[in-house]
Every structure is written in structure tokens, then in C-alpha cells.
Amino acid sequence: MHIGTPPVIGADGILYGFYETPDIVSVPITPAAGEAEWTTEVSVPKDVKDFYIMLSVETGKARLFENYAVDITDK
């Protein structure tokens, strides 16, 4: 899985941070069928709640990704 550098999406619908496409990441974050822990650091206003991160997962074809919004509110 490549995640690039994803932005954080707040409940206000605003994207915070810059998106770096996952196809320029030098190596995958996780091996096939593996697990990994990672962090993201994005500054957001204190009054914004309920955060999501866009997770890009490479499909069976190189540089073709499916994107998932993952709830990171409690992280």
C-alpha cells in the first residue's frame, strides 16, 4: 500500500494539508497482505472535529489507486 502524504479532512469539509500523490513514494508503506503503523501531522483549527484521512490503496495495476476515507477522529 502506498499512502503518499495525505491531507486530513475535517467535519467542516475542508482539506487541511497538502496531498502528495502515492505513486511518487519510493517504497510501499506495507508489504503485500502486511500491516504497518504510520502517523500524519497536519495543523487544523482547534474548533474542527471529526477527522478523516484519504487512504490510497494500489489496485492490481501499477499506479492505479482506489481511495478510502478512513475515520481517524479517535486517533
C-alpha atoms as a PDB file:
ATOM      1  CA  MET A   1       0.000   0.000   0.000  1.00  0.00           C
ATOM      2  CA  HIS A   2       1.249   3.462  -0.833  1.00  0.00           C
ATOM      3  CA  ILE A   3      -0.302   6.328   1.065  1.00  0.00           C
ATOM      4  CA  GLY A   4       1.793   9.258  -0.123  1.00  0.00           C
ATOM      5  CA  THR A   5       1.278  12.242   2.146  1.00  0.00           C
ATOM      6  CA  PRO A   6      -2.486  12.551   2.602  1.00  0.00           C
ATOM      7  CA  PRO A   7      -4.395  15.595   3.819  1.00  0.00           C
ATOM      8  CA  VAL A   8      -6.808  15.485   6.751  1.00  0.00           C
ATOM      9  CA  ILE A   9     -10.473  16.163   6.036  1.00  0.00           C
ATOM     10  CA  GLY A  10     -12.461  17.822   8.827  1.00  0.00           C
ATOM     11  CA  ALA A  11     -16.191  17.627   9.510  1.00  0.00           C
ATOM     12  CA  ASP A  12     -16.338  21.145   8.052  1.00  0.00           C
ATOM     13  CA  GLY A  13     -15.494  19.627   4.637  1.00  0.00           C
ATOM     14  CA  ILE A  14     -12.168  21.447   4.342  1.00  0.00           C
ATOM     15  CA  LEU A  15      -8.969  19.639   3.343  1.00  0.00           C
ATOM     16  CA  TYR A  16      -6.098  20.506   5.664  1.00  0.00           C
ATOM     17  CA  GLY A  17      -2.587  19.865   4.425  1.00  0.00           C
ATOM     18  CA  PHE A  18      -1.169  19.121   1.018  1.00  0.00           C
ATOM     19  CA  TYR A  19      -1.677  15.924  -0.934  1.00  0.00           C
ATOM     20  CA  GLU A  20       1.358  14.106  -2.291  1.00  0.00           C
ATOM     21  CA  THR A  21       0.448  11.527  -4.879  1.00  0.00           C
ATOM     22  CA  PRO A  22       1.185   7.974  -3.725  1.00  0.00           C
ATOM     23  CA  ASP A  23       2.831   6.938  -6.987  1.00  0.00           C
ATOM     24  CA  ILE A  24       5.936   9.027  -6.239  1.00  0.00           C
ATOM     25  CA  VAL A  25       6.606   7.330  -2.910  1.00  0.00           C
ATOM     26  CA  SER A  26       9.863   5.418  -3.261  1.00  0.00           C
ATOM     27  CA  VAL A  27       8.739   2.222  -1.491  1.00  0.00           C
ATOM     28  CA  PRO A  28       5.392   0.842  -0.329  1.00  0.00           C
ATOM     29  CA  ILE A  29       4.408   1.540   3.278  1.00  0.00           C
ATOM     30  CA  THR A  30       3.250  -2.038   3.824  1.00  0.00           C
ATOM     31  CA  PRO A  31       4.217  -5.325   2.209  1.00  0.00           C
ATOM     32  CA  ALA A  32       1.520  -7.322   0.441  1.00  0.00           C
ATOM     33  CA  ALA A  33      -1.030  -8.614   2.983  1.00  0.00           C
ATOM     34  CA  GLY A  34       1.004  -6.987   5.756  1.00  0.00           C
ATOM     35  CA  GLU A  35       0.357  -4.367   8.418  1.00  0.00           C
ATOM     36  CA  ALA A  36       2.059  -1.111   9.323  1.00  0.00           C
ATOM     37  CA  GLU A  37       1.659   1.832  11.673  1.00  0.00           C
ATOM     38  CA  TRP A  38       2.145   5.375  10.441  1.00  0.00           C
ATOM     39  CA  THR A  39       1.466   8.928  11.528  1.00  0.00           C
ATOM     40  CA  THR A  40       0.425  12.138   9.856  1.00  0.00           C
ATOM     41  CA  GLU A  41       0.970  15.655  11.139  1.00  0.00           C
ATOM     42  CA  VAL A  42      -1.356  18.345   9.840  1.00  0.00           C
ATOM     43  CA  SER A  43      -2.284  21.597  11.586  1.00  0.00           C
ATOM     44  CA  VAL A  44      -6.029  22.148  11.943  1.00  0.00           C
ATOM     45  CA  PRO A  45      -8.121  24.737  13.815  1.00  0.00           C
ATOM     46  CA  LYS A  46      -8.995  23.687  17.373  1.00  0.00           C
ATOM     47  CA  ASP A  47     -12.742  24.010  16.770  1.00  0.00           C
ATOM     48  CA  VAL A  48     -12.785  21.457  13.907  1.00  0.00           C
ATOM     49  CA  LYS A  49     -13.934  17.947  14.878  1.00  0.00           C
ATOM     50  CA  ASP A  50     -14.438  14.518  13.281  1.00  0.00           C
ATOM     51  CA  PHE A  51     -11.409  13.914  11.090  1.00  0.00           C
ATOM     52  CA  TYR A  52     -10.902  11.598   8.127  1.00  0.00           C
ATOM     53  CA  ILE A  53      -7.821  10.761   6.116  1.00  0.00           C
ATOM     54  CA  MET A  54      -7.790   9.729   2.465  1.00  0.00           C
ATOM     55  CA  LEU A  55      -6.121   6.333   2.177  1.00  0.00           C
ATOM     56  CA  SER A  56      -4.991   5.307  -1.324  1.00  0.00           C
ATOM     57  CA  VAL A  57      -4.660   1.580  -1.942  1.00  0.00           C
ATOM     58  CA  GLU A  58      -2.931   0.346  -5.072  1.00  0.00           C
ATOM     59  CA  THR A  59      -5.089  -1.968  -7.146  1.00  0.00           C
ATOM     60  CA  GLY A  60      -3.692  -4.887  -9.131  1.00  0.00           C
ATOM     61  CA  LYS A  61      -2.299  -2.441 -11.685  1.00  0.00           C
ATOM     62  CA  ALA A  62       0.710  -0.223 -11.024  1.00  0.00           C
ATOM     63  CA  ARG A  63      -0.144   3.424 -10.313  1.00  0.00           C
ATOM     64  CA  LEU A  64      -3.881   2.769 -10.252  1.00  0.00           C
ATOM     65  CA  PHE A  65      -5.385   3.518  -6.836  1.00  0.00           C
ATOM     66  CA  GLU A  66      -8.683   3.171  -5.012  1.00  0.00           C
ATOM     67  CA  ASN A  67      -9.268   5.798  -2.321  1.00  0.00           C
ATOM     68  CA  TYR A  68     -10.955   5.271   1.032  1.00  0.00           C
ATOM     69  CA  ALA A  69     -11.941   7.884   3.608  1.00  0.00           C
ATOM     70  CA  VAL A  70     -10.865   6.467   6.988  1.00  0.00           C
ATOM     71  CA  ASP A  71     -12.244   7.920  10.226  1.00  0.00           C
ATOM     72  CA  ILE A  72      -9.316   8.997  12.428  1.00  0.00           C
ATOM     73  CA  THR A  73     -11.372  11.018  14.905  1.00  0.00           C
ATOM     74  CA  ASP A  74     -10.357   8.923  17.917  1.00  0.00           C
ATOM     75  CA  LYS A  75      -6.675   8.552  16.914  1.00  0.00           C
END
